[in-house]
Protein backbone atom coordinates (compact mmCIF):
# COMPACT_ATOMS: atom_id res chain seq x y z
CA MET A 1 3.44 -7.22 2.27
CA LEU A 2 3.71 -8.82 6.38
CA ALA A 3 2.76 -6.31 9.58
CA PRO A 4 4.77 -7.35 12.35
CA VAL A 5 3.26 -9.99 14.84
CA ALA A 6 2.79 -6.90 17.28
CA ALA A 7 1.05 -5.33 15.42
CA ARG A 8 -1.36 -7.03 15.81
CA SER A 9 -13.53 8.18 -11.05
CA ALA A 10 -16.48 10.27 -9.99
CA LEU A 11 -17.17 8.79 -6.66
CA PRO A 12 -18.80 5.05 -7.33
CA LEU A 13 -22.10 5.21 -5.63
CA LEU A 14 -22.00 1.07 -5.00
CA LEU A 15 -18.84 1.83 -3.15
CA ALA A 16 -21.19 3.88 -0.79
CA SER A 17 -23.57 1.67 -0.75
CA ALA A 18 -21.64 -1.42 0.19
CA LEU A 19 -20.43 0.95 3.38
CA LEU A 20 -23.36 1.45 4.38
CA GLY A 21 -24.49 -2.19 3.95
CA SER A 22 -27.37 -1.97 1.46
CA VAL A 23 -25.57 -4.23 -1.08
CA ALA A 24 -24.18 -6.88 2.26
CA ALA A 25 -27.80 -7.33 3.41
CA ARG A 26 -28.78 -9.32 0.79
CA GLY A 27 -27.01 -11.91 1.90
CA ASP A 28 -25.20 -12.35 -1.39
CA ALA A 29 -21.62 -12.66 -0.85
CA GLN A 30 -20.41 -12.75 -4.42
CA ALA A 31 -22.73 -10.16 -5.46
CA SER A 32 -20.89 -7.47 -2.62
CA ARG A 33 -17.44 -8.31 -4.16
CA GLU A 34 -18.56 -7.45 -7.29
CA SER A 35 -20.58 -4.15 -6.46
CA ALA A 36 -17.82 -2.94 -4.80
CA ARG A 37 -15.94 -2.66 -7.65
CA PRO A 38 -15.79 0.52 -9.59
CA ALA A 39 -16.84 0.13 -13.13
CA GLU A 40 -13.65 0.14 -14.84
CA SER A 41 -14.45 3.30 -17.13
CA ILE A 42 -14.78 5.70 -14.07
CA VAL A 43 -11.62 7.88 -14.38
CA VAL A 44 -10.51 8.32 -10.26
CA PRO A 45 -9.07 11.89 -9.37
CA ARG A 46 -5.57 11.47 -8.78
CA ASP A 47 -4.03 14.89 -7.90
CA GLY A 48 -4.78 16.85 -5.23
CA PHE A 49 -5.75 20.03 -7.41
CA GLU A 50 -8.38 17.56 -9.26
CA HIS A 51 -10.77 17.55 -6.00
CA PRO A 52 -9.46 20.05 -3.85
CA GLU A 53 -13.04 19.79 -1.55
CA MET A 54 -11.99 16.40 -0.54
CA PHE A 55 -9.01 18.00 1.26
CA ALA A 56 -10.80 20.75 2.37
CA SER A 57 -12.94 18.72 4.52
CA ARG A 58 -10.65 16.82 5.76
CA ARG A 59 -8.73 19.97 7.25
CA ALA A 60 -12.14 20.81 8.85
CA GLU A 61 -12.17 17.55 10.96
CA PHE A 62 -8.74 17.75 11.88
CA LEU A 63 -9.34 21.40 13.16
CA ARG A 64 -12.52 19.78 15.18
CA ARG A 65 -10.52 17.53 16.45
CA LEU A 66 -7.82 19.38 17.63
CA GLY A 67 -9.61 22.22 19.24
CA GLU A 68 -8.24 25.02 19.85
CA GLY A 69 -4.73 25.39 18.95
CA VAL A 70 -1.83 25.31 16.06
CA ALA A 71 -0.63 22.23 13.95
CA VAL A 72 2.57 22.38 11.96
CA PHE A 73 3.24 19.86 9.52
CA HIS A 74 6.04 19.86 7.31
CA ALA A 75 6.81 18.19 3.60
CA LYS A 76 8.83 15.61 3.04
CA PRO A 77 12.09 15.87 2.82
CA GLU A 78 14.14 15.46 -0.87
CA TYR A 79 16.97 12.55 0.06
CA GLU A 80 20.08 12.35 -1.67
CA ARG A 81 21.05 8.91 -3.21
CA ASN A 82 24.03 9.82 -4.27
CA ASN A 83 26.05 12.41 -5.46
CA ASP A 84 23.96 14.80 -8.10
CA VAL A 85 21.38 12.00 -7.41
CA GLU A 86 18.34 12.21 -5.46
CA PHE A 87 15.74 9.25 -4.42
CA LEU A 88 12.74 9.67 -6.70
CA TYR A 89 10.20 11.74 -4.52
CA ARG A 90 6.95 10.92 -2.91
CA GLN A 91 5.44 13.23 -0.20
CA ASP A 92 4.68 12.36 3.11
CA SER A 93 1.62 10.58 3.49
CA ASP A 94 -0.04 12.94 6.44
CA PHE A 95 0.58 16.51 4.72
CA TYR A 96 -0.89 14.65 1.22
CA TYR A 97 -3.90 13.55 3.41
CA LEU A 98 -4.58 16.95 4.70
CA THR A 99 -3.31 18.79 1.53
CA GLY A 100 -2.91 17.33 -2.15
CA PHE A 101 0.15 19.06 -2.14
CA GLU A 102 2.66 17.20 -3.60
CA GLU A 103 5.93 19.49 -3.78
CA PRO A 104 8.76 18.84 -1.52
CA GLU A 105 9.88 21.84 1.37
CA ALA A 106 6.58 22.80 1.56
CA VAL A 107 5.07 23.83 5.11
CA ALA A 108 1.25 23.73 6.23
CA VAL A 109 0.18 25.22 9.00
CA LEU A 110 -3.45 24.75 10.31
CA SER A 111 -5.23 26.94 13.27
CA SER A 112 -8.61 27.12 15.13
CA THR A 113 -7.75 29.90 16.60
CA GLY A 114 -9.64 32.43 14.98
CA HIS A 115 -6.57 35.12 14.95
CA GLY A 116 -5.78 34.30 11.67
CA PRO A 117 -6.18 32.18 8.22
CA ALA A 118 -7.31 28.60 8.87
CA TYR A 119 -5.10 27.25 6.74
CA THR A 120 -1.66 28.48 5.52
CA LEU A 121 0.75 26.99 2.95
CA PHE A 122 4.37 27.56 2.53
CA VAL A 123 5.67 27.10 -0.75
CA ARG A 124 8.77 27.03 -2.64
CA PRO A 125 8.96 30.63 -5.44
CA ARG A 126 8.10 30.34 -9.06
CA ASP A 127 11.28 29.81 -10.55
CA PRO A 128 11.96 29.96 -13.71
CA THR A 129 15.93 28.56 -14.03
CA GLN A 130 15.07 25.78 -11.82
CA GLU A 131 11.06 25.07 -13.54
CA ILE A 132 13.90 24.44 -16.49
CA TRP A 133 15.97 21.78 -14.84
CA ASN A 134 13.65 20.52 -12.74
CA GLY A 135 9.85 20.94 -13.61
CA PHE A 136 7.23 23.40 -13.00
CA ARG A 137 6.33 24.74 -9.39
CA TRP A 138 2.84 26.18 -8.21
CA GLY A 139 3.94 29.28 -6.62
CA ALA A 140 1.96 31.17 -3.73
CA GLU A 141 -0.05 32.57 -5.95
CA GLY A 142 -1.07 29.16 -7.76
CA ALA A 143 -1.02 27.19 -4.63
CA LYS A 144 -3.79 29.64 -3.50
CA LYS A 145 -5.66 29.27 -6.05
CA THR A 146 -5.72 25.36 -7.13
CA PHE A 147 -5.80 24.02 -3.42
CA ARG A 148 -7.80 26.44 -1.58
CA VAL A 149 -5.84 27.65 0.65
CA ASP A 150 -6.54 30.80 2.93
CA ALA A 151 -3.08 32.24 2.82
CA ALA A 152 0.01 31.42 0.63
CA TYR A 153 3.64 32.81 1.00
CA VAL A 154 6.89 31.43 -0.37
CA LEU A 155 8.84 29.98 2.36
CA ASP A 156 11.32 33.21 2.79
CA SER A 157 8.29 34.47 4.09
CA LEU A 158 8.77 32.14 6.96
CA PRO A 159 10.42 34.49 9.38
CA SER A 160 7.91 37.21 9.59
CA VAL A 161 4.53 35.12 8.74
CA MET A 162 5.09 32.67 11.34
CA PRO A 163 5.46 34.06 14.68
CA ARG A 164 1.59 35.82 13.87
CA LEU A 165 0.47 32.81 13.35
CA LEU A 166 1.58 31.08 16.39
CA LYS A 167 0.79 34.56 18.54
CA ASP A 168 -1.47 33.14 21.54
CA ALA A 169 -1.35 29.34 20.35
CA PRO A 170 -3.09 27.96 23.47
CA LYS A 171 -1.20 24.31 21.77
CA LEU A 172 1.43 23.51 19.38
CA LEU A 173 1.65 20.73 17.39
CA TYR A 174 4.11 19.74 14.77
CA SER A 175 5.03 17.02 12.60
CA SER A 176 8.20 16.84 10.67
CA ALA A 177 7.96 14.49 8.70
CA GLY A 178 11.65 13.30 8.90
CA GLU A 179 13.10 17.03 8.23
CA PRO A 180 16.25 17.47 10.57
CA GLU A 181 16.19 21.18 10.90
CA PHE A 182 12.84 22.76 10.97
CA GLY A 183 11.62 22.09 14.04
CA GLY A 184 14.66 24.51 15.55
CA ARG A 185 13.36 27.27 14.17
CA LEU A 186 9.99 26.31 14.66
CA ARG A 187 10.64 26.39 18.20
CA ASP A 188 12.31 29.59 18.23
CA TRP A 189 9.29 31.37 16.44
CA ALA A 190 7.42 29.93 19.35
CA ARG A 191 9.56 31.42 21.61
CA ALA A 192 9.20 34.78 20.00
CA ALA A 193 5.47 34.16 19.93
CA GLY A 194 4.89 32.97 23.52
CA VAL A 195 4.21 29.64 22.52
CA LEU A 196 5.86 26.37 23.67
CA GLY A 197 5.39 22.67 22.71
CA GLY A 198 2.53 20.94 24.07
CA SER A 199 4.25 19.85 26.78
CA GLY A 200 5.66 23.02 27.94
CA GLU A 201 8.64 21.84 27.81
CA VAL A 202 11.26 23.43 24.99
CA GLY A 203 12.57 20.00 24.14
CA PRO A 204 15.86 18.90 22.79
CA SER A 205 18.29 21.01 20.88
CA PRO A 206 18.20 21.11 17.16
CA ALA A 207 21.13 19.33 16.68
CA ALA A 208 20.02 16.18 18.23
CA PRO A 209 16.24 15.85 16.78
CA GLN A 210 14.29 13.08 17.73
CA ALA A 211 14.45 10.30 15.03
CA ASP A 212 11.46 8.77 15.23
CA GLU A 213 8.31 11.18 15.66
CA GLY A 214 6.11 8.86 18.27
CA PRO A 215 3.73 11.03 20.51
CA THR A 216 6.20 13.28 22.04
CA GLY A 217 6.79 14.28 18.47
CA SER A 218 9.91 16.53 17.43
CA PHE A 219 12.21 18.96 18.99
CA GLY A 220 9.42 18.75 21.67
CA PHE A 221 6.23 19.34 20.47
CA GLU A 222 3.51 17.40 20.65
CA SER A 223 2.58 15.47 16.97
CA PRO A 224 -0.63 16.00 15.24
CA VAL A 225 -0.44 12.66 13.66
CA ALA A 226 -2.38 10.64 16.49
CA ILE A 227 -4.94 12.60 14.66
CA THR A 228 -4.78 12.21 11.59
CA HIS A 229 -4.32 8.44 11.72
CA GLU A 230 -7.00 8.05 13.81
CA MET A 231 -8.44 9.57 10.33
CA ARG A 232 -7.08 7.66 8.15
CA LEU A 233 -8.15 4.76 9.81
CA ILE A 234 -11.93 5.11 7.98
CA LEU A 235 -11.57 5.78 3.94
CA SER A 236 -13.83 7.95 2.25
CA ALA A 237 -15.75 5.87 -0.70
CA GLU A 238 -13.48 7.72 -3.49
CA GLU A 239 -10.15 6.47 -1.13
CA ILE A 240 -11.74 3.08 -1.64
CA ALA A 241 -12.09 3.71 -5.12
CA ARG A 242 -8.23 4.57 -5.26
CA VAL A 243 -7.39 1.80 -3.29
CA GLN A 244 -9.62 -0.77 -5.59
CA ARG A 245 -7.90 0.95 -8.62
CA ALA A 246 -4.44 0.41 -7.06
CA ILE A 247 -5.76 -3.11 -6.73
CA ASP A 248 -7.12 -3.32 -10.47
CA ILE A 249 -3.81 -2.69 -11.31
CA THR A 250 -2.18 -4.89 -9.24
CA GLU A 251 -4.38 -7.90 -10.86
CA LEU A 252 -2.91 -7.12 -14.29
CA ALA A 253 0.77 -7.29 -12.98
CA HIS A 254 -0.12 -10.62 -11.26
CA ARG A 255 -1.97 -12.08 -14.47
CA ALA A 256 1.08 -11.26 -16.25
CA THR A 257 3.53 -12.38 -13.70
CA MET A 258 1.68 -16.14 -13.47
CA ARG A 259 1.82 -15.92 -17.32
CA ALA A 260 5.24 -15.20 -17.87
CA ALA A 261 6.59 -17.23 -14.79
CA ALA A 262 8.69 -20.39 -16.39
CA PRO A 263 12.01 -21.99 -14.80
CA GLY A 264 15.39 -20.29 -16.05
CA LEU A 265 13.65 -16.77 -15.89
CA HIS A 266 15.18 -14.87 -12.93
CA GLU A 267 13.04 -13.27 -10.51
CA TYR A 268 14.23 -10.06 -11.43
CA ASP A 269 12.39 -10.61 -15.08
CA LEU A 270 9.14 -10.75 -13.31
CA GLU A 271 9.69 -7.84 -10.76
CA ALA A 272 10.41 -5.91 -14.06
CA LEU A 273 7.37 -7.08 -15.86
CA GLN A 274 5.29 -5.99 -12.67
CA TYR A 275 6.77 -2.46 -12.70
CA TYR A 276 5.98 -2.32 -16.13
CA VAL A 277 2.71 -3.42 -16.22
CA TYR A 278 2.10 -0.93 -13.26
CA ARG A 279 3.12 2.09 -14.94
CA VAL A 280 1.84 1.42 -18.75
CA SER A 281 -1.87 0.93 -16.57
CA GLY A 282 -1.85 4.32 -14.69
CA ALA A 283 0.09 3.81 -11.51
CA GLU A 284 2.08 6.61 -10.81
CA ARG A 285 5.07 4.22 -8.75
CA PHE A 286 4.91 0.68 -6.99
CA GLY A 287 3.61 1.28 -3.17
CA PHE A 288 6.58 -1.03 -2.05
CA PRO A 289 9.10 -2.89 -3.24
CA SER A 290 8.50 -6.43 -4.81
CA ILE A 291 8.96 -9.10 -3.15
CA VAL A 292 9.57 -12.12 -6.10
CA GLY A 293 10.88 -15.39 -3.62
CA SER A 294 11.61 -18.30 -5.47
CA GLY A 295 12.52 -21.88 -3.96
CA PRO A 296 14.52 -20.96 -0.71
CA ASN A 297 13.71 -17.55 -1.45
CA SER A 298 9.85 -18.04 -0.61
CA VAL A 299 10.06 -18.64 3.01
CA THR A 300 12.26 -15.48 3.77
CA LEU A 301 9.38 -13.20 4.30
CA HIS A 302 10.44 -9.68 3.35
CA TYR A 303 12.81 -10.56 0.39
CA ARG A 304 13.70 -8.57 -2.05
CA ASP A 305 16.74 -9.59 -3.90
CA ASN A 306 15.39 -10.75 -6.68
CA ASN A 307 18.00 -11.74 -8.05
CA ARG A 308 17.55 -15.58 -8.17
CA ARG A 309 16.85 -17.92 -11.36
CA LEU A 310 13.74 -19.84 -10.79
CA GLY A 311 14.00 -23.72 -10.76
CA ASP A 312 11.70 -26.43 -12.20
CA GLY A 313 9.36 -27.35 -9.35
CA GLU A 314 9.49 -24.42 -6.54
CA THR A 315 7.19 -22.28 -5.38
CA MET A 316 7.30 -18.90 -5.55
CA VAL A 317 5.91 -16.11 -3.37
CA VAL A 318 5.12 -12.80 -5.21
CA ASP A 319 3.81 -10.34 -3.09
CA ILE A 320 2.99 -7.01 -4.80
CA GLY A 321 1.03 -3.39 -4.67
CA ALA A 322 1.09 -0.74 -7.65
CA GLU A 323 0.12 2.70 -5.98
CA TYR A 324 -2.97 4.82 -7.89
CA ALA A 325 -3.87 8.52 -6.68
CA MET A 326 -1.23 7.80 -3.58
CA TYR A 327 -3.35 4.80 -2.27
CA THR A 328 -1.92 1.37 -2.80
CA ALA A 329 -2.79 -1.91 -2.97
CA ASP A 330 -0.99 -5.19 -1.22
CA VAL A 331 -1.87 -8.48 -2.70
CA THR A 332 0.26 -11.52 -2.62
CA ARG A 333 -0.27 -14.83 -4.86
CA THR A 334 1.97 -17.99 -4.60
CA ILE A 335 2.47 -19.73 -7.77
CA PRO A 336 4.36 -23.03 -8.85
CA VAL A 337 7.37 -22.00 -10.91
CA SER A 338 6.55 -25.21 -13.44
CA GLY A 339 3.14 -24.41 -14.08
CA THR A 340 1.38 -27.33 -11.84
CA PHE A 341 1.76 -27.23 -7.85
CA SER A 342 3.34 -30.89 -6.60
CA PRO A 343 1.30 -32.91 -4.30
CA GLU A 344 3.25 -31.13 -1.39
CA GLN A 345 2.86 -27.90 -2.04
CA ARG A 346 -0.77 -28.47 -3.01
CA GLU A 347 -1.38 -29.85 0.82
CA VAL A 348 0.63 -26.52 1.99
CA TYR A 349 -1.22 -23.97 -0.47
CA GLN A 350 -4.88 -25.23 0.64
CA ILE A 351 -4.05 -24.45 4.50
CA ILE A 352 -3.46 -21.45 3.65
CA ALA A 353 -6.16 -20.93 1.22
CA ASP A 354 -8.75 -22.55 4.35
CA ALA A 355 -7.48 -20.18 7.00
CA GLN A 356 -7.83 -17.04 5.03
CA ASP A 357 -11.32 -17.88 4.22
CA GLU A 358 -11.90 -18.71 8.46
CA ALA A 359 -10.37 -15.36 9.24
CA MET A 360 -12.11 -13.37 6.54
CA LYS A 361 -15.51 -15.00 8.36
CA LEU A 362 -14.64 -13.00 10.99
CA MET A 363 -13.72 -9.58 9.38
CA ARG A 364 -17.13 -8.02 10.59
CA PRO A 365 -18.39 -5.38 12.75
CA GLY A 366 -18.11 -6.44 16.33
CA HIS A 367 -15.12 -8.66 15.91
CA THR A 368 -11.34 -7.42 15.82
CA ILE A 369 -7.95 -8.58 14.17
CA ALA A 370 -7.39 -10.58 16.95
CA GLU A 371 -9.87 -13.01 16.75
CA SER A 372 -9.15 -13.17 13.17
CA SER A 373 -6.20 -13.70 13.68
CA LYS A 374 -6.73 -16.52 16.43
CA ARG A 375 -8.58 -18.58 14.09
CA ALA A 376 -6.13 -18.19 10.90
CA ALA A 377 -3.47 -19.41 13.44
CA GLU A 378 -6.35 -22.54 14.63
CA VAL A 379 -6.68 -23.91 10.90
CA VAL A 380 -2.86 -23.24 10.36
CA THR A 381 -1.70 -25.39 13.06
CA ALA A 382 -4.06 -27.98 12.72
CA GLY A 383 -3.03 -28.47 8.85
CA LEU A 384 -0.04 -28.75 10.38
CA VAL A 385 -0.47 -31.37 12.46
CA ARG A 386 -2.36 -32.91 10.35
CA LEU A 387 1.00 -33.56 8.06
CA GLY A 388 2.88 -34.59 10.47
CA LEU A 389 5.03 -31.06 10.77
CA LEU A 390 3.75 -30.95 14.21
CA LYS A 391 3.76 -33.17 16.42
CA GLY A 392 1.03 -33.40 19.39
CA SER A 393 -2.82 -32.16 19.74
CA VAL A 394 -3.47 -28.55 17.73
CA GLU A 395 -4.00 -27.44 21.47
CA GLU A 396 -0.90 -27.96 22.52
CA ASN A 397 1.07 -26.23 19.75
CA LEU A 398 -1.39 -23.01 19.91
CA ALA A 399 -0.83 -22.72 23.64
CA SER A 400 3.21 -23.45 23.44
CA GLY A 401 3.38 -21.14 20.18
CA ALA A 402 5.18 -24.42 18.44
CA TYR A 403 3.57 -23.16 15.16
CA ARG A 404 5.15 -20.06 14.51
CA GLN A 405 8.22 -21.65 13.33
CA PHE A 406 5.79 -22.13 10.17
CA TYR A 407 3.50 -19.26 10.29
CA MET A 408 5.52 -16.19 12.33
CA HIS A 409 3.75 -13.12 11.49
CA GLY A 410 0.95 -11.25 11.67
CA LEU A 411 -2.46 -11.61 9.78
CA SER A 412 -3.45 -8.28 8.93
CA HIS A 413 -2.52 -4.38 8.34
CA TRP A 414 -4.25 -1.75 7.90
CA ILE A 415 -3.84 -0.70 4.07
CA GLY A 416 -4.50 3.08 2.69
CA LEU A 417 -2.29 5.68 1.84
CA ASP A 418 1.00 3.43 3.27
CA VAL A 419 1.23 0.12 2.71
CA HIS A 420 1.32 -0.46 6.96
CA ASP A 421 -1.13 2.09 7.27
CA PRO A 422 -0.43 3.47 10.39
CA ALA A 423 -4.08 3.73 12.27
CA PRO A 424 -3.42 2.38 15.96
CA TYR A 425 -4.84 -1.34 16.35
CA THR A 426 -5.95 -0.55 20.25
CA GLU A 427 -8.51 1.82 21.16
CA ALA A 428 -8.03 4.73 23.05
CA ASP A 429 -8.57 1.93 26.49
CA GLY A 430 -6.07 -0.39 25.53
CA SER A 431 -8.96 -2.64 24.23
CA PRO A 432 -8.33 -4.59 20.43
CA ARG A 433 -10.21 -2.37 18.13
CA LYS A 434 -12.96 -3.56 16.33
CA PHE A 435 -13.71 -3.45 13.03
CA GLN A 436 -15.80 -0.88 11.25
CA PRO A 437 -16.98 0.09 8.26
CA GLY A 438 -14.62 1.68 5.76
CA MET A 439 -11.91 -0.04 6.92
CA VAL A 440 -9.23 -1.70 4.26
CA LEU A 441 -7.33 -4.49 5.83
CA SER A 442 -4.75 -7.60 4.46
CA ASN A 443 -5.85 -10.69 4.99
CA GLU A 444 -2.41 -12.83 4.71
CA PRO A 445 -1.65 -15.85 6.41
CA GLY A 446 1.43 -18.28 5.50
CA ILE A 447 3.60 -20.95 6.16
CA TYR A 448 7.06 -21.27 5.54
CA ILE A 449 9.13 -24.37 5.27
CA ARG A 450 12.93 -23.71 5.60
CA SER A 451 15.56 -26.56 5.30
CA ASP A 452 16.81 -25.72 8.85
CA ILE A 453 14.04 -26.60 10.78
CA PRO A 454 14.84 -29.73 12.78
CA GLY A 455 12.95 -33.14 12.26
CA VAL A 456 11.27 -31.98 8.70
CA ASP A 457 11.13 -34.68 6.22
CA SER A 458 13.40 -32.77 2.97
CA LYS A 459 10.23 -33.03 1.05
CA TRP A 460 8.94 -29.85 2.95
CA HIS A 461 11.95 -28.13 1.87
CA ASN A 462 11.36 -24.55 0.88
CA ILE A 463 8.11 -24.36 0.64
CA GLY A 464 6.40 -20.88 1.10
CA VAL A 465 3.07 -19.99 0.41
CA ARG A 466 1.55 -16.45 1.15
CA LEU A 467 -2.51 -15.81 0.26
CA GLU A 468 -2.85 -12.27 0.84
CA ASN A 469 -6.28 -10.38 0.06
CA ASP A 470 -7.56 -6.75 0.98
CA VAL A 471 -10.54 -6.63 2.48
CA LEU A 472 -13.35 -3.85 2.94
CA ILE A 473 -15.07 -3.93 6.36
CA THR A 474 -18.87 -3.22 5.53
CA ARG A 475 -22.04 -3.37 8.28
CA GLY A 476 -22.78 -7.10 6.85
CA ASP A 477 -19.79 -9.55 5.60
CA ALA A 478 -16.50 -7.79 4.52
CA VAL A 479 -15.60 -7.42 0.83
CA ASP A 480 -12.75 -9.23 -1.22
CA MET A 481 -11.85 -5.98 -3.29
CA THR A 482 -9.28 -8.93 -5.04
CA ALA A 483 -11.25 -11.09 -5.79
CA ARG A 484 -10.70 -11.15 -9.34
CA ILE A 485 -7.35 -12.17 -8.50
CA PRO A 486 -6.16 -15.95 -9.35
CA ARG A 487 -6.34 -17.78 -6.14
CA SER A 488 -7.24 -20.84 -5.94
CA ILE A 489 -5.24 -23.99 -7.05
CA ALA A 490 -7.11 -24.17 -9.99
CA ASP A 491 -7.49 -20.59 -11.03
CA VAL A 492 -4.04 -20.26 -10.61
CA GLU A 493 -2.77 -23.33 -12.82
CA ALA A 494 -5.21 -22.16 -15.57
CA GLU A 495 -3.96 -18.44 -15.52
CA MET A 496 -0.07 -19.84 -16.39
CA ARG A 497 -1.40 -21.75 -19.15
CA LYS A 498 -3.07 -18.91 -20.48
CA PRO A 499 -0.80 -17.03 -23.42
CA PRO A 500 0.53 -13.48 -22.78
CA ILE A 501 -1.74 -11.14 -21.62
CA THR A 502 -2.30 -7.99 -23.45
CA ILE A 503 -1.85 -4.40 -22.30
CA GLY A 504 -3.23 -1.09 -23.71
CA THR A 505 -1.27 1.95 -22.46
CA GLY A 506 -2.08 4.43 -20.19
CA GLU A 507 -5.30 4.22 -17.63
CA SER A 508 -7.11 2.54 -20.32
CA GLY A 509 -4.66 -0.22 -19.45
CA ALA A 510 -6.51 -1.43 -17.03
CA SER A 511 -8.11 -4.66 -18.49
CA ILE A 512 -7.25 -8.20 -19.73
CA ALA A 513 -7.34 -9.38 -23.63
CA GLU A 514 -6.26 -12.97 -24.01
CA ASP A 515 -5.90 -12.59 -27.77
CA LEU A 516 -2.82 -10.39 -28.86
CA THR A 517 -4.42 -7.18 -30.63
CA PRO A 518 -3.15 -4.99 -33.05
CA GLY A 519 -2.03 -1.55 -32.68
CA ALA A 520 -1.27 0.26 -29.46
CA ALA A 521 -0.88 -2.91 -27.32
CA VAL A 522 1.61 -4.24 -25.49
CA SER A 523 2.28 -8.31 -25.17
CA VAL A 524 3.49 -9.81 -22.08
CA GLY A 525 4.49 -13.15 -21.04
CA ARG A 526 5.69 -16.56 -22.12
CA VAL A 527 6.38 -17.38 -25.83
CA PRO A 528 8.58 -20.53 -27.05
CA SER A 529 12.11 -19.88 -28.15
CA PRO A 530 12.58 -21.53 -31.47
CA ARG A 531 16.11 -22.79 -30.57
CA SER A 532 15.33 -24.42 -27.64
CA GLY A 533 11.85 -24.34 -26.80
CA LYS A 534 12.01 -22.98 -23.51
CA SER A 535 10.10 -20.05 -22.56
CA LYS A 536 11.27 -16.67 -22.44
CA VAL A 537 9.43 -13.49 -21.90
CA ALA A 538 8.29 -11.56 -24.42
CA VAL A 539 7.62 -8.02 -24.49
CA GLY A 540 6.90 -5.49 -27.46
CA ARG A 541 4.45 -3.70 -29.54
CA VAL A 542 2.10 -5.79 -31.38
CA ALA A 543 1.88 -4.50 -35.22
CA ALA A 544 -0.91 -3.45 -36.66
CA PRO A 545 -2.09 -5.23 -39.89
CA ASP A 546 -1.48 -3.06 -42.05
CA GLU A 547 2.24 -2.22 -40.71
CA GLY A 548 4.00 -5.42 -41.75
CA LYS A 549 6.46 -5.57 -39.22
CA ALA A 550 7.37 -8.14 -36.61
CA LYS A 551 6.47 -8.16 -32.62
CA VAL A 552 9.63 -6.81 -30.96
CA LYS A 553 10.55 -8.81 -28.94
CA ALA A 554 12.86 -8.82 -25.88
CA SER A 555 14.24 -11.55 -23.66
CA ARG A 556 16.68 -13.51 -21.60
């Protein structure tokens, strides 16, 4: 998934050693890539209550960076989709990062004043009726016991408890997570405690909160997210393991897509297949909605309608990412719908593969995204000049920015809890941020040849190619966390010739089998239609030999 141009499991010990440089120092790039992958058998903790010490250490670091003061974080609010229907809930990433708590409406208070508890959590009360309808709630007692909370209260206690927590605080920071009203109440409690916003100003009225939380936060309070965003930039070994697990699941979805794609299917057939693979492989949800753009849709950067019928001879950009334990993958592959790239498609594809390889050479400590982006642009521009799609010299096209009519987006963005993780791309002094071990970012050059670009031969029209890998910075060579997902022209075409993949249900599903396996497995891919000989998608359970039942097929 693209960044805008302006942005420009027990713990696996091998991951930690990769961060320390012991693997990369061997000088074996392939060994480095393989070593950085957590073992398939590792079960990565996926809920905050499974690993409370990780969140406790983050809170301690946050308070150290905060200095003396109080920071209040509100959980992400629930949003109504339409009458009596809410959008599926996902916790705010900063709130989760510090608490591991995934229920809505909660309020976390972190304090370094020494006048009260360091960590207070306000939560919804236990409610048998609500839990019958909507599921389990932790309640104050459960939250305190399970999430290492110093003090826990139900939400009704806020008016009596919050002023005590704020009293004599030298500064107060607030993150609303988009909640539209709580900031007004917090401001009243801050007044009662003799505390105002970080700037000393009361701020806007509760009826007009700031829509976007920036450096000045909401309701006039300074925002604490600058601290959390900086902390989130360097991933721990466990965080990297979570990202890797999301990538492993996304690998399955990409392989399933490659093996299923065929003229006559619809983009939404493959989108549904991807979401199915995510869920049966242990992912809670997608990290972002799938981009499955074929033909003319392959040149729309963030195309999401996914409703077009696939045509023979077209390219299809597949930009997808599963989310596992709140961390996301973001991997793009471009495939030929017919199974074989045309000569023109191969030319464009190889330019992007070369640009990606060249950019990755600069993804190491001491270098910056700006440097790797510049190198990718040089390779793309040289390729476009060689193909005759740009006139003049490479230097002239780079200087004028003419290449941007074909390659108009940035190369990289941070990856973690969010697909576009929000850490800044510059240092405090405004200089480009240099790579450090533990950063994870995308490497995604692309070429998009729209049919309305003047002077372009029609044989190039509607060829869109983007390749995106997720890269881990180490002390030596960067690690391609997506190395197992077919990328070369030969590997993509070979994958598309393979039979449907077999996916075991649950977390054991993160594996690929070349042949259908009897029992609790699911086949997803192309099978010939007896009537037409054309391909169609088959999704169903494979019958065990003693069941004597045929495989159930669902197809268009």
